[in-house]
Amino acid sequence: MKRIFYLPYDIRKIINLFTYHLIPTIHRLLKKDQKYGKTLIYYSSNLFFSGGLADRLKGIATAYNLAVLSSRKFKIISNSPFEMKKILIKNNINWEIETSSMEKKILFVAKHYNFMDKPDLIEENIEKIIHNQNQVIALRINDDYTHHIKNYYKNDKVKDWNESFNYIFSYSTFT
């Protein structure tokens, strides 16, 4: 009889701390993030729940607007349960990262923020994200805060959800 082994929650927290906080901090101290320039990455992971497609698209719109406000390039890493670029293609900006090995490298140098299902955290941390001095920021978010950003910052570059979607994406032949 085969035993199925699940990691206890505490061990997952330790792995998460090591992978997404300690290693990237060391890489940033060694200036390994400099070659990527100022970049904000929306990412969803198969290691942790990221919501369905609609949740991810809402998070992408929010992340895009934060990239605009912080004068950063915008990239997307979303390969699970499917590759985003198979159903949606780039429109006005190149949001793709060339290879999966490059995705891993850039995530290992990024300052990570996780706002999955945490609306109170995003509102109090928007300023931290916009003024963050790290070159690369990775953001996990699954809700639309564009209305809050637009009302608070009164910036003409901030787009509503549907404007953001149409600016970032075009439909692929798959759809």
Protein backbone atom coordinates (compact mmCIF):
# COMPACT_ATOMS: atom_id res chain seq x y z
CA MET A 1 0.00 0.00 0.00
CA LYS A 2 1.43 3.36 -1.09
CA ARG A 3 1.57 6.20 1.39
CA ILE A 4 0.85 9.68 0.18
CA PHE A 5 3.02 12.25 1.84
CA TYR A 6 1.82 15.80 2.31
CA LEU A 7 4.01 18.55 3.66
CA PRO A 8 2.72 20.05 6.90
CA TYR A 9 1.66 23.70 6.66
CA ASP A 10 4.64 24.87 8.76
CA ILE A 11 7.14 23.26 6.40
CA ARG A 12 5.42 24.88 3.39
CA LYS A 13 5.76 28.25 5.15
CA ILE A 14 9.49 27.62 5.66
CA ILE A 15 9.95 26.65 2.00
CA ASN A 16 7.98 29.74 0.96
CA LEU A 17 10.10 31.98 3.19
CA PHE A 18 13.33 30.52 1.82
CA THR A 19 12.29 30.53 -1.86
CA TYR A 20 10.48 33.86 -2.07
CA HIS A 21 12.24 35.97 0.55
CA LEU A 22 15.72 34.84 1.60
CA ILE A 23 17.12 33.78 -1.79
CA PRO A 24 15.78 36.89 -3.62
CA THR A 25 17.16 39.16 -0.87
CA ILE A 26 20.62 37.63 -1.25
CA HIS A 27 20.43 37.99 -5.05
CA ARG A 28 19.38 41.65 -4.72
CA LEU A 29 22.28 42.33 -2.32
CA LEU A 30 24.61 40.85 -4.94
CA LYS A 31 23.00 43.19 -7.53
CA LYS A 32 21.84 40.30 -9.72
CA ASP A 33 18.57 42.14 -10.35
CA GLN A 34 20.26 45.06 -12.17
CA LYS A 35 20.27 43.37 -15.57
CA TYR A 36 16.46 43.20 -15.69
CA GLY A 37 15.80 46.91 -15.22
CA LYS A 38 12.74 48.25 -13.42
CA THR A 39 10.13 45.55 -13.93
CA LEU A 40 6.86 44.53 -12.26
CA ILE A 41 5.78 40.94 -12.81
CA TYR A 42 2.32 39.54 -12.25
CA TYR A 43 2.68 35.86 -11.48
CA SER A 44 0.44 32.96 -10.67
CA SER A 45 1.87 29.74 -9.42
CA ASN A 46 0.93 26.10 -9.41
CA LEU A 47 2.42 25.86 -5.90
CA PHE A 48 -0.27 28.07 -4.39
CA PHE A 49 -3.87 28.79 -5.29
CA SER A 50 -4.14 31.68 -7.75
CA GLY A 51 -7.85 31.68 -8.52
CA GLY A 52 -9.58 31.07 -11.83
CA LEU A 53 -9.07 32.88 -15.12
CA ALA A 54 -11.32 35.84 -14.23
CA ASP A 55 -9.51 36.33 -10.89
CA ARG A 56 -6.15 36.24 -12.65
CA LEU A 57 -7.26 38.77 -15.27
CA LYS A 58 -8.45 41.13 -12.52
CA GLY A 59 -5.09 40.80 -10.79
CA ILE A 60 -3.26 41.39 -14.08
CA ALA A 61 -5.15 44.67 -14.63
CA THR A 62 -4.25 45.85 -11.13
CA ALA A 63 -0.60 44.82 -11.52
CA TYR A 64 -0.39 46.56 -14.90
CA ASN A 65 -1.64 49.84 -13.41
CA LEU A 66 0.86 49.57 -10.56
CA ALA A 67 3.60 49.07 -13.16
CA VAL A 68 2.44 52.21 -14.96
CA LEU A 69 2.40 54.25 -11.75
CA SER A 70 5.87 53.05 -10.76
CA SER A 71 7.33 53.54 -14.28
CA ARG A 72 8.18 49.86 -14.69
CA LYS A 73 8.10 47.39 -17.54
CA PHE A 74 5.21 44.95 -17.12
CA LYS A 75 5.57 41.19 -17.51
CA ILE A 76 3.31 38.21 -16.83
CA ILE A 77 4.23 34.73 -15.63
CA SER A 78 1.16 32.50 -15.69
CA ASN A 79 1.79 28.94 -16.80
CA SER A 80 -0.56 26.94 -14.63
CA PRO A 81 -3.03 25.35 -15.26
CA PHE A 82 -2.37 26.65 -18.81
CA GLU A 83 -0.04 29.10 -20.51
CA MET A 84 -1.72 32.50 -20.69
CA LYS A 85 -0.04 33.20 -24.03
CA LYS A 86 -1.94 30.32 -25.64
CA ILE A 87 -5.30 32.06 -25.27
CA LEU A 88 -4.28 35.73 -25.08
CA ILE A 89 -1.49 37.41 -27.00
CA LYS A 90 0.35 40.68 -26.50
CA ASN A 91 -1.30 43.79 -27.87
CA ASN A 92 0.34 47.15 -27.06
CA ILE A 93 3.03 45.93 -24.67
CA ASN A 94 5.31 42.91 -24.69
CA TRP A 95 4.34 41.17 -21.45
CA GLU A 96 5.94 37.82 -22.26
CA ILE A 97 9.17 36.51 -20.77
CA GLU A 98 11.12 34.54 -23.37
CA THR A 99 11.77 31.21 -21.64
CA SER A 100 10.76 29.34 -18.51
CA SER A 101 14.38 29.35 -17.32
CA MET A 102 14.36 33.18 -17.61
CA GLU A 103 11.11 33.23 -15.63
CA LYS A 104 12.77 31.32 -12.81
CA LYS A 105 15.84 33.54 -12.84
CA ILE A 106 13.84 36.75 -12.68
CA LEU A 107 11.60 35.44 -9.88
CA PHE A 108 14.71 34.54 -7.87
CA VAL A 109 15.84 38.18 -7.80
CA ALA A 110 12.41 39.83 -7.33
CA LYS A 111 10.94 41.46 -4.25
CA HIS A 112 7.75 39.46 -3.71
CA TYR A 113 4.34 40.74 -2.64
CA ASN A 114 1.44 38.33 -2.08
CA PHE A 115 -2.05 39.87 -2.00
CA MET A 116 -4.09 36.79 -2.78
CA ASP A 117 -7.51 37.33 -1.18
CA LYS A 118 -6.10 40.08 1.07
CA PRO A 119 -7.82 43.34 0.06
CA ASP A 120 -6.74 45.19 3.20
CA LEU A 121 -3.07 44.55 2.42
CA ILE A 122 -3.11 45.91 -1.13
CA GLU A 123 -4.52 49.28 -0.15
CA GLU A 124 -1.98 49.86 2.59
CA ASN A 125 0.92 48.64 0.43
CA ILE A 126 0.25 50.44 -2.87
CA GLU A 127 2.66 53.22 -1.88
CA LYS A 128 5.35 50.67 -0.97
CA ILE A 129 5.02 49.01 -4.38
CA ILE A 130 5.03 52.27 -6.33
CA HIS A 131 8.07 53.67 -4.52
CA ASN A 132 9.94 50.37 -4.08
CA GLN A 133 13.64 50.76 -4.91
CA ASN A 134 14.15 47.14 -5.97
CA GLN A 135 14.62 46.63 -9.69
CA VAL A 136 12.20 43.70 -9.97
CA ILE A 137 8.90 43.30 -8.14
CA ALA A 138 6.80 40.13 -8.36
CA LEU A 139 3.15 40.47 -7.44
CA ARG A 140 0.56 37.79 -6.75
CA ILE A 141 -2.92 39.29 -6.74
CA ASN A 142 -6.34 38.01 -7.77
CA ASP A 143 -8.69 40.99 -7.58
CA ASP A 144 -9.35 44.26 -9.35
CA TYR A 145 -8.17 47.35 -7.47
CA THR A 146 -7.94 49.61 -10.51
CA HIS A 147 -10.89 51.70 -9.26
CA HIS A 148 -9.07 52.34 -5.98
CA ILE A 149 -5.82 53.18 -7.74
CA LYS A 150 -7.57 55.47 -10.23
CA ASN A 151 -9.52 57.32 -7.52
CA TYR A 152 -6.55 57.67 -5.19
CA TYR A 153 -3.87 58.70 -7.69
CA LYS A 154 -5.91 60.69 -10.22
CA ASN A 155 -3.39 59.73 -12.90
CA ASP A 156 -4.47 59.81 -16.56
CA LYS A 157 -2.26 56.82 -17.33
CA VAL A 158 -4.25 54.52 -15.00
CA LYS A 159 -6.83 52.57 -16.97
CA ASP A 160 -10.10 50.92 -15.96
CA TRP A 161 -10.21 47.13 -15.97
CA ASN A 162 -11.62 46.78 -19.49
CA GLU A 163 -9.23 49.42 -20.89
CA SER A 164 -6.30 47.63 -19.24
CA PHE A 165 -7.39 44.27 -20.64
CA ASN A 166 -7.74 45.62 -24.20
CA TYR A 167 -4.42 47.47 -23.96
CA ILE A 168 -2.50 44.43 -22.69
CA PHE A 169 -4.16 41.59 -24.63
CA SER A 170 -5.44 40.62 -28.01
CA TYR A 171 -7.15 37.30 -28.65
CA SER A 172 -5.16 34.41 -30.05
CA THR A 173 -6.36 32.19 -32.88
CA PHE A 174 -7.01 29.57 -30.19
CA THR A 175 -9.96 31.62 -28.89
